[in-house]
Amino acid sequence: MYLITVLGNLLIILATISDSHLHSPMYFFLSNLSFVGICFVSTTVPKMLVNIQTQNKVITYAGCITQMYYFLLFVGLDNFLLTVMAYDRFVAVCHPLHYTVIMNPSLCGLLVLVSWLAVVSLFYCTSLGMYLSSAATHNSHSSATASVMYTVVTPMLNPFIYSLRNKDIKRALKDSLGGKLE
């Protein structure tokens, strides 16, 4: 599932970079969402795979804090990018004649930057306190199941949900892979 997630998201990034028809705000945000998806899943899954392979569930305090920092960072980025994408679609539907003026490249870059800054300053600080204070009260089996669903299954499905059903992405992938994708 980890490899499917990484490869699916890399294909979306490749398609949006290689096809000039996809150089629009919507696909810019989709490629950023794909990048965040790769980072998000790479924050926890490699350590989880090592733990499963070695049957060792130990993590240092510094490793735990580092993993938690990046996990929360990418969760927040995912949420903010989805919000920015919703705003992009709102502008496209409600103000179609002004869309290219409103959603210019500098605004798109600024929205992505603000997403990063908002996550670091807002989401990370509050979530860290919540997770550190309530770590002892969780049911370990249900927490593990929920963690796998949230950290592995959801990011694996995101490329299929948001992009690979899109005909423009399919066409760009087919073109960039030399017609080998059917």
Protein backbone atom coordinates (compact mmCIF):
# COMPACT_ATOMS: atom_id res chain seq x y z
CA MET A 1 0.00 0.00 0.00
CA TYR A 2 2.92 2.32 0.73
CA LEU A 3 4.37 1.79 -2.75
CA ILE A 4 0.97 2.31 -4.40
CA THR A 5 0.58 5.59 -2.50
CA VAL A 6 4.02 6.89 -3.44
CA LEU A 7 3.81 5.77 -7.07
CA GLY A 8 0.26 7.07 -7.54
CA ASN A 9 1.18 10.48 -6.17
CA LEU A 10 4.42 10.60 -8.16
CA LEU A 11 2.44 9.86 -11.34
CA ILE A 12 0.18 12.82 -10.63
CA ILE A 13 3.17 15.11 -10.06
CA LEU A 14 4.82 13.81 -13.25
CA ALA A 15 1.65 14.37 -15.27
CA THR A 16 1.12 17.92 -14.04
CA ILE A 17 4.73 18.90 -14.62
CA SER A 18 5.10 17.30 -18.04
CA ASP A 19 1.83 18.44 -19.65
CA SER A 20 1.50 22.18 -20.31
CA HIS A 21 -2.29 21.83 -20.49
CA LEU A 22 -2.23 21.01 -16.78
CA HIS A 23 -0.40 24.19 -15.77
CA SER A 24 -3.47 25.68 -14.12
CA PRO A 25 -4.30 26.48 -10.48
CA MET A 26 -6.36 23.32 -9.96
CA TYR A 27 -3.55 21.03 -11.10
CA PHE A 28 -0.95 23.09 -9.24
CA PHE A 29 -2.89 22.43 -6.04
CA LEU A 30 -3.38 18.75 -6.95
CA SER A 31 0.36 18.28 -7.45
CA ASN A 32 1.03 19.97 -4.10
CA LEU A 33 -1.57 17.69 -2.51
CA SER A 34 0.22 14.70 -4.05
CA PHE A 35 3.57 15.89 -2.70
CA VAL A 36 2.06 16.30 0.77
CA GLY A 37 0.52 12.82 0.45
CA ILE A 38 3.95 11.30 -0.23
CA CYS A 39 5.48 13.18 2.70
CA PHE A 40 2.56 12.31 4.98
CA VAL A 41 2.71 8.58 4.36
CA SER A 42 6.54 8.58 4.47
CA THR A 43 6.46 10.07 7.95
CA THR A 44 5.06 7.01 9.69
CA VAL A 45 4.92 3.99 7.38
CA PRO A 46 8.68 3.28 7.03
CA LYS A 47 9.07 3.15 10.83
CA MET A 48 5.93 1.02 11.09
CA LEU A 49 7.32 -1.42 8.49
CA VAL A 50 10.62 -1.64 10.39
CA ASN A 51 8.68 -2.28 13.62
CA ILE A 52 6.67 -5.05 11.97
CA GLN A 53 9.77 -6.64 10.44
CA THR A 54 11.89 -6.53 13.62
CA GLN A 55 9.01 -7.09 16.07
CA ASN A 56 10.43 -4.10 17.97
CA LYS A 57 7.96 -1.38 18.91
CA VAL A 58 10.46 0.94 20.57
CA ILE A 59 10.94 4.54 19.47
CA THR A 60 13.07 7.13 21.19
CA TYR A 61 11.45 10.19 22.69
CA ALA A 62 13.22 12.43 20.15
CA GLY A 63 12.14 10.11 17.33
CA CYS A 64 8.56 10.16 18.57
CA ILE A 65 8.48 13.97 18.80
CA THR A 66 10.08 14.31 15.35
CA GLN A 67 7.66 11.84 13.79
CA MET A 68 4.71 13.55 15.49
CA TYR A 69 5.87 16.99 14.30
CA TYR A 70 6.04 15.92 10.66
CA PHE A 71 2.86 13.86 10.90
CA LEU A 72 0.88 16.82 12.22
CA LEU A 73 2.54 19.17 9.75
CA PHE A 74 1.48 17.07 6.75
CA VAL A 75 -2.01 16.35 8.14
CA GLY A 76 -2.54 20.07 8.52
CA LEU A 77 -1.14 20.79 5.06
CA ASP A 78 -3.48 18.21 3.60
CA ASN A 79 -6.45 19.93 5.23
CA PHE A 80 -5.39 23.43 4.22
CA LEU A 81 -4.66 22.41 0.63
CA LEU A 82 -8.11 20.84 0.38
CA THR A 83 -9.52 24.15 1.63
CA VAL A 84 -7.51 26.08 -0.96
CA MET A 85 -8.72 23.68 -3.66
CA ALA A 86 -12.31 24.29 -2.54
CA TYR A 87 -11.71 28.04 -2.84
CA ASP A 88 -10.27 27.52 -6.33
CA ARG A 89 -13.38 25.61 -7.41
CA PHE A 90 -15.62 28.26 -5.79
CA VAL A 91 -13.94 31.00 -7.83
CA ALA A 92 -14.13 28.89 -11.01
CA VAL A 93 -17.87 28.25 -10.58
CA CYS A 94 -19.05 31.54 -9.11
CA HIS A 95 -16.74 33.94 -10.98
CA PRO A 96 -15.78 32.16 -14.20
CA LEU A 97 -15.06 35.31 -16.18
CA HIS A 98 -12.69 36.62 -13.52
CA TYR A 99 -11.11 33.24 -12.71
CA THR A 100 -7.76 33.80 -14.47
CA VAL A 101 -7.41 37.27 -12.95
CA ILE A 102 -8.26 36.11 -9.41
CA MET A 103 -6.37 32.79 -9.44
CA ASN A 104 -3.10 34.11 -10.89
CA PRO A 105 0.22 32.27 -10.29
CA SER A 106 1.32 34.60 -7.49
CA LEU A 107 -1.94 34.07 -5.58
CA CYS A 108 -1.67 30.29 -6.02
CA GLY A 109 1.88 30.32 -4.66
CA LEU A 110 0.82 32.57 -1.80
CA LEU A 111 -2.09 30.27 -0.90
CA VAL A 112 0.25 27.27 -0.74
CA LEU A 113 2.76 29.25 1.36
CA VAL A 114 0.03 30.42 3.72
CA SER A 115 -1.09 26.80 4.06
CA TRP A 116 2.41 25.83 5.20
CA LEU A 117 2.68 28.75 7.63
CA ALA A 118 -0.80 28.27 9.05
CA VAL A 119 -0.12 24.62 9.77
CA VAL A 120 3.13 25.26 11.57
CA SER A 121 1.78 28.09 13.70
CA LEU A 122 -1.76 26.93 14.44
CA PHE A 123 -2.37 23.23 14.00
CA TYR A 124 0.95 21.87 15.22
CA CYS A 125 1.03 23.68 18.55
CA THR A 126 -2.50 22.76 19.62
CA SER A 127 -2.34 19.18 18.37
CA LEU A 128 0.99 18.46 20.03
CA GLY A 129 -0.44 19.39 23.41
CA MET A 130 -3.53 17.25 22.81
CA TYR A 131 -1.59 14.16 21.71
CA LEU A 132 1.01 14.36 24.46
CA SER A 133 -1.59 14.75 27.22
CA SER A 134 -3.92 11.95 26.18
CA ALA A 135 -1.48 9.29 24.95
CA ALA A 136 -2.02 7.00 27.98
CA THR A 137 -5.82 6.86 27.68
CA HIS A 138 -6.15 5.29 24.21
CA ASN A 139 -7.20 1.69 23.52
CA SER A 140 -4.14 0.30 21.72
CA HIS A 141 -5.95 -2.04 19.28
CA SER A 142 -8.55 0.47 18.10
CA SER A 143 -5.89 3.21 17.94
CA ALA A 144 -3.67 0.99 15.79
CA THR A 145 -6.52 0.19 13.41
CA ALA A 146 -7.52 3.84 13.13
CA SER A 147 -3.88 4.81 12.61
CA VAL A 148 -3.42 2.39 9.72
CA MET A 149 -6.66 3.55 8.09
CA TYR A 150 -5.71 7.21 8.43
CA THR A 151 -1.99 7.00 7.66
CA VAL A 152 -1.97 4.35 4.93
CA VAL A 153 -5.36 3.69 3.35
CA THR A 154 -6.60 7.28 2.98
CA PRO A 155 -3.39 8.62 1.35
CA MET A 156 -3.34 5.58 -0.94
CA LEU A 157 -6.85 6.36 -2.18
CA ASN A 158 -6.34 10.13 -2.58
CA PRO A 159 -4.59 9.94 -5.99
CA PHE A 160 -7.42 7.81 -7.34
CA ILE A 161 -10.14 10.00 -5.84
CA TYR A 162 -8.76 13.40 -6.76
CA SER A 163 -6.82 12.84 -9.95
CA LEU A 164 -6.61 9.48 -11.65
CA ARG A 165 -10.33 9.57 -12.50
CA ASN A 166 -9.74 12.90 -14.26
CA LYS A 167 -9.57 12.59 -18.07
CA ASP A 168 -6.93 15.34 -18.38
CA ILE A 169 -4.63 13.57 -15.91
CA LYS A 170 -5.18 10.24 -17.70
CA ARG A 171 -4.32 11.84 -21.05
CA ALA A 172 -1.19 13.50 -19.63
CA LEU A 173 -0.04 10.22 -18.06
CA LYS A 174 -0.65 8.37 -21.30
CA ASP A 175 1.36 10.98 -23.20
CA SER A 176 4.22 11.09 -20.68
CA LEU A 177 4.46 7.30 -20.41
CA GLY A 178 4.56 6.93 -24.18
CA GLY A 179 1.07 5.52 -24.66
CA LYS A 180 1.70 2.48 -22.43
CA LEU A 181 -1.08 3.39 -19.98
CA GLU A 182 -4.54 2.09 -20.84
